[in-house]
């Protein structure tokens, strides 16, 4: 892992967002502080959104990169 990867790890994060309709979704915030992507589903509770973000983090961390 490079130093820039280590620095980005301290800033990039998952963020649970409360929507105006009372539901929640999660976003991945990049090192620049802007959303890079978000969940495709919404969740009834904050706890459900956190659990989904934790699952996504584990899946992303273990996913291989496949070249064309």
N, C-alpha and C. Protein backbone atom coordinates (compact mmCIF):
# COMPACT_ATOMS: atom_id res chain seq x y z
N UNK A 1 0.83 -1.17 0.00
CA UNK A 1 0.00 0.00 0.00
C UNK A 1 0.89 1.25 0.00
N UNK A 2 0.59 2.22 -0.83
CA UNK A 2 1.40 3.43 -0.90
C UNK A 2 0.99 4.43 0.17
N UNK A 3 1.83 5.46 0.35
CA UNK A 3 1.50 6.49 1.33
C UNK A 3 0.22 7.22 0.96
N UNK A 4 -0.01 7.43 -0.34
CA UNK A 4 -1.23 8.11 -0.76
C UNK A 4 -2.46 7.25 -0.45
N UNK A 5 -2.33 5.93 -0.55
CA UNK A 5 -3.43 5.03 -0.17
C UNK A 5 -3.71 5.16 1.32
N UNK A 6 -2.65 5.20 2.12
CA UNK A 6 -2.82 5.34 3.57
C UNK A 6 -3.47 6.67 3.92
N UNK A 7 -3.08 7.74 3.24
CA UNK A 7 -3.66 9.06 3.50
C UNK A 7 -5.13 9.09 3.10
N UNK A 8 -5.46 8.49 1.96
CA UNK A 8 -6.84 8.46 1.49
C UNK A 8 -7.71 7.66 2.44
N UNK A 9 -7.16 6.61 3.02
CA UNK A 9 -7.92 5.79 3.95
C UNK A 9 -8.40 6.58 5.16
N UNK A 10 -7.62 7.58 5.58
CA UNK A 10 -7.99 8.39 6.72
C UNK A 10 -9.11 9.37 6.42
N UNK A 11 -9.35 9.66 5.15
CA UNK A 11 -10.34 10.66 4.76
C UNK A 11 -11.54 10.02 4.10
N UNK A 12 -11.31 9.08 3.19
CA UNK A 12 -12.41 8.41 2.50
C UNK A 12 -13.19 7.58 3.52
N UNK A 13 -14.51 7.55 3.36
CA UNK A 13 -15.33 6.82 4.32
C UNK A 13 -16.72 6.55 3.76
N UNK A 14 -17.42 5.66 4.43
CA UNK A 14 -18.84 5.43 4.16
C UNK A 14 -19.63 6.41 5.01
N UNK A 15 -20.69 6.96 4.48
CA UNK A 15 -21.54 7.89 5.20
C UNK A 15 -22.99 7.44 5.06
N UNK A 16 -23.69 7.30 6.18
CA UNK A 16 -25.12 7.01 6.13
C UNK A 16 -25.85 8.34 6.05
N UNK A 17 -26.80 8.44 5.12
CA UNK A 17 -27.50 9.68 4.85
C UNK A 17 -28.99 9.50 5.13
N UNK A 18 -29.56 10.42 5.91
CA UNK A 18 -31.01 10.43 6.15
C UNK A 18 -31.67 11.19 5.00
N UNK A 19 -32.64 10.58 4.39
CA UNK A 19 -33.35 11.20 3.26
C UNK A 19 -34.56 11.98 3.78
N UNK A 20 -35.11 12.84 2.96
CA UNK A 20 -36.26 13.67 3.35
C UNK A 20 -37.52 12.83 3.58
N UNK A 21 -37.57 11.62 3.01
CA UNK A 21 -38.73 10.75 3.20
C UNK A 21 -38.62 9.85 4.44
N UNK A 22 -37.58 10.05 5.24
CA UNK A 22 -37.40 9.27 6.46
C UNK A 22 -36.61 7.99 6.28
N UNK A 23 -36.26 7.66 5.05
CA UNK A 23 -35.47 6.46 4.78
C UNK A 23 -33.99 6.85 4.77
N UNK A 24 -33.11 5.86 4.63
CA UNK A 24 -31.67 6.08 4.67
C UNK A 24 -31.00 5.40 3.49
N UNK A 25 -29.84 5.91 3.08
CA UNK A 25 -28.97 5.22 2.13
C UNK A 25 -27.54 5.48 2.58
N UNK A 26 -26.59 4.76 1.98
CA UNK A 26 -25.19 5.01 2.29
C UNK A 26 -24.48 5.52 1.05
N UNK A 27 -23.43 6.29 1.29
CA UNK A 27 -22.58 6.81 0.22
C UNK A 27 -21.13 6.54 0.59
N UNK A 28 -20.29 6.39 -0.41
CA UNK A 28 -18.85 6.35 -0.19
C UNK A 28 -18.34 7.75 -0.52
N UNK A 29 -17.69 8.36 0.46
CA UNK A 29 -17.16 9.71 0.30
C UNK A 29 -15.67 9.57 -0.03
N UNK A 30 -15.26 10.20 -1.14
CA UNK A 30 -13.87 10.08 -1.59
C UNK A 30 -12.96 11.00 -0.77
N UNK A 31 -11.64 10.92 -0.96
CA UNK A 31 -10.72 11.76 -0.19
C UNK A 31 -10.93 13.26 -0.39
N UNK A 32 -11.63 13.66 -1.44
CA UNK A 32 -11.91 15.08 -1.67
C UNK A 32 -13.15 15.55 -0.92
N UNK A 33 -13.83 14.61 -0.25
CA UNK A 33 -15.01 14.96 0.54
C UNK A 33 -16.31 14.96 -0.24
N UNK A 34 -16.30 14.41 -1.45
CA UNK A 34 -17.52 14.36 -2.25
C UNK A 34 -17.94 12.91 -2.45
N UNK A 35 -19.25 12.66 -2.64
CA UNK A 35 -19.71 11.29 -2.84
C UNK A 35 -19.15 10.69 -4.12
N UNK A 36 -18.60 9.49 -4.01
CA UNK A 36 -18.09 8.77 -5.18
C UNK A 36 -19.17 7.86 -5.75
N UNK A 37 -19.92 7.22 -4.87
CA UNK A 37 -21.07 6.41 -5.27
C UNK A 37 -21.94 6.16 -4.06
N UNK A 38 -23.17 5.68 -4.31
CA UNK A 38 -24.09 5.43 -3.21
C UNK A 38 -24.84 4.13 -3.41
N UNK A 39 -25.50 3.70 -2.36
CA UNK A 39 -26.27 2.46 -2.42
C UNK A 39 -27.40 2.60 -3.43
N UNK A 40 -27.74 1.49 -4.03
CA UNK A 40 -28.85 1.50 -4.98
C UNK A 40 -30.18 1.28 -4.28
N UNK A 41 -30.13 0.87 -3.03
CA UNK A 41 -31.33 0.63 -2.25
C UNK A 41 -31.44 1.68 -1.15
N UNK A 42 -32.64 1.84 -0.61
CA UNK A 42 -32.84 2.67 0.57
C UNK A 42 -33.29 1.75 1.70
N UNK A 43 -33.12 2.23 2.93
CA UNK A 43 -33.35 1.40 4.11
C UNK A 43 -34.28 2.13 5.07
N UNK A 44 -35.12 1.37 5.76
CA UNK A 44 -36.12 1.94 6.66
C UNK A 44 -35.49 2.54 7.91
N UNK A 45 -34.36 1.96 8.35
CA UNK A 45 -33.73 2.45 9.58
C UNK A 45 -32.25 2.73 9.34
N UNK A 46 -31.72 3.57 10.21
CA UNK A 46 -30.28 3.87 10.15
C UNK A 46 -29.46 2.61 10.39
N UNK A 47 -29.90 1.77 11.31
CA UNK A 47 -29.18 0.52 11.60
C UNK A 47 -29.13 -0.39 10.37
N UNK A 48 -30.22 -0.47 9.61
CA UNK A 48 -30.22 -1.28 8.39
C UNK A 48 -29.23 -0.71 7.37
N UNK A 49 -29.17 0.61 7.25
CA UNK A 49 -28.24 1.24 6.32
C UNK A 49 -26.79 1.00 6.74
N UNK A 50 -26.52 1.07 8.03
CA UNK A 50 -25.17 0.81 8.53
C UNK A 50 -24.78 -0.64 8.24
N UNK A 51 -25.69 -1.58 8.50
CA UNK A 51 -25.39 -3.00 8.22
C UNK A 51 -25.12 -3.22 6.74
N UNK A 52 -25.90 -2.56 5.88
CA UNK A 52 -25.68 -2.69 4.43
C UNK A 52 -24.35 -2.08 4.02
N UNK A 53 -23.98 -0.95 4.63
CA UNK A 53 -22.68 -0.32 4.32
C UNK A 53 -21.53 -1.21 4.77
N UNK A 54 -21.67 -1.85 5.93
CA UNK A 54 -20.63 -2.77 6.40
C UNK A 54 -20.48 -3.96 5.46
N UNK A 55 -21.59 -4.49 4.98
CA UNK A 55 -21.53 -5.59 4.01
C UNK A 55 -20.87 -5.13 2.72
N UNK A 56 -21.25 -3.96 2.23
CA UNK A 56 -20.65 -3.43 0.99
C UNK A 56 -19.15 -3.23 1.17
N UNK A 57 -18.74 -2.73 2.31
CA UNK A 57 -17.30 -2.51 2.56
C UNK A 57 -16.55 -3.82 2.51
N UNK A 58 -17.11 -4.87 3.12
CA UNK A 58 -16.44 -6.19 3.08
C UNK A 58 -16.39 -6.74 1.66
N UNK A 59 -17.48 -6.61 0.93
CA UNK A 59 -17.51 -7.12 -0.45
C UNK A 59 -16.53 -6.37 -1.35
N UNK A 60 -16.49 -5.05 -1.22
CA UNK A 60 -15.59 -4.24 -2.04
C UNK A 60 -14.14 -4.57 -1.71
N UNK A 61 -13.83 -4.70 -0.43
CA UNK A 61 -12.44 -4.97 -0.02
C UNK A 61 -11.94 -6.30 -0.55
N UNK A 62 -12.83 -7.28 -0.70
CA UNK A 62 -12.41 -8.59 -1.15
C UNK A 62 -12.59 -8.85 -2.63
N UNK A 63 -13.13 -7.87 -3.33
CA UNK A 63 -13.42 -8.09 -4.76
C UNK A 63 -12.15 -7.99 -5.61
N UNK A 64 -11.95 -8.96 -6.50
CA UNK A 64 -10.78 -8.89 -7.38
C UNK A 64 -11.00 -7.87 -8.49
N UNK A 65 -9.93 -7.42 -9.06
CA UNK A 65 -9.99 -6.55 -10.25
C UNK A 65 -9.77 -7.43 -11.46
N UNK A 66 -10.71 -7.41 -12.37
CA UNK A 66 -10.61 -8.24 -13.58
C UNK A 66 -10.35 -7.35 -14.78
N UNK A 67 -9.34 -7.68 -15.50
CA UNK A 67 -9.02 -6.93 -16.73
C UNK A 67 -9.81 -7.49 -17.90
N UNK A 68 -10.06 -6.66 -18.91
CA UNK A 68 -10.81 -7.15 -20.07
C UNK A 68 -10.03 -8.19 -20.87
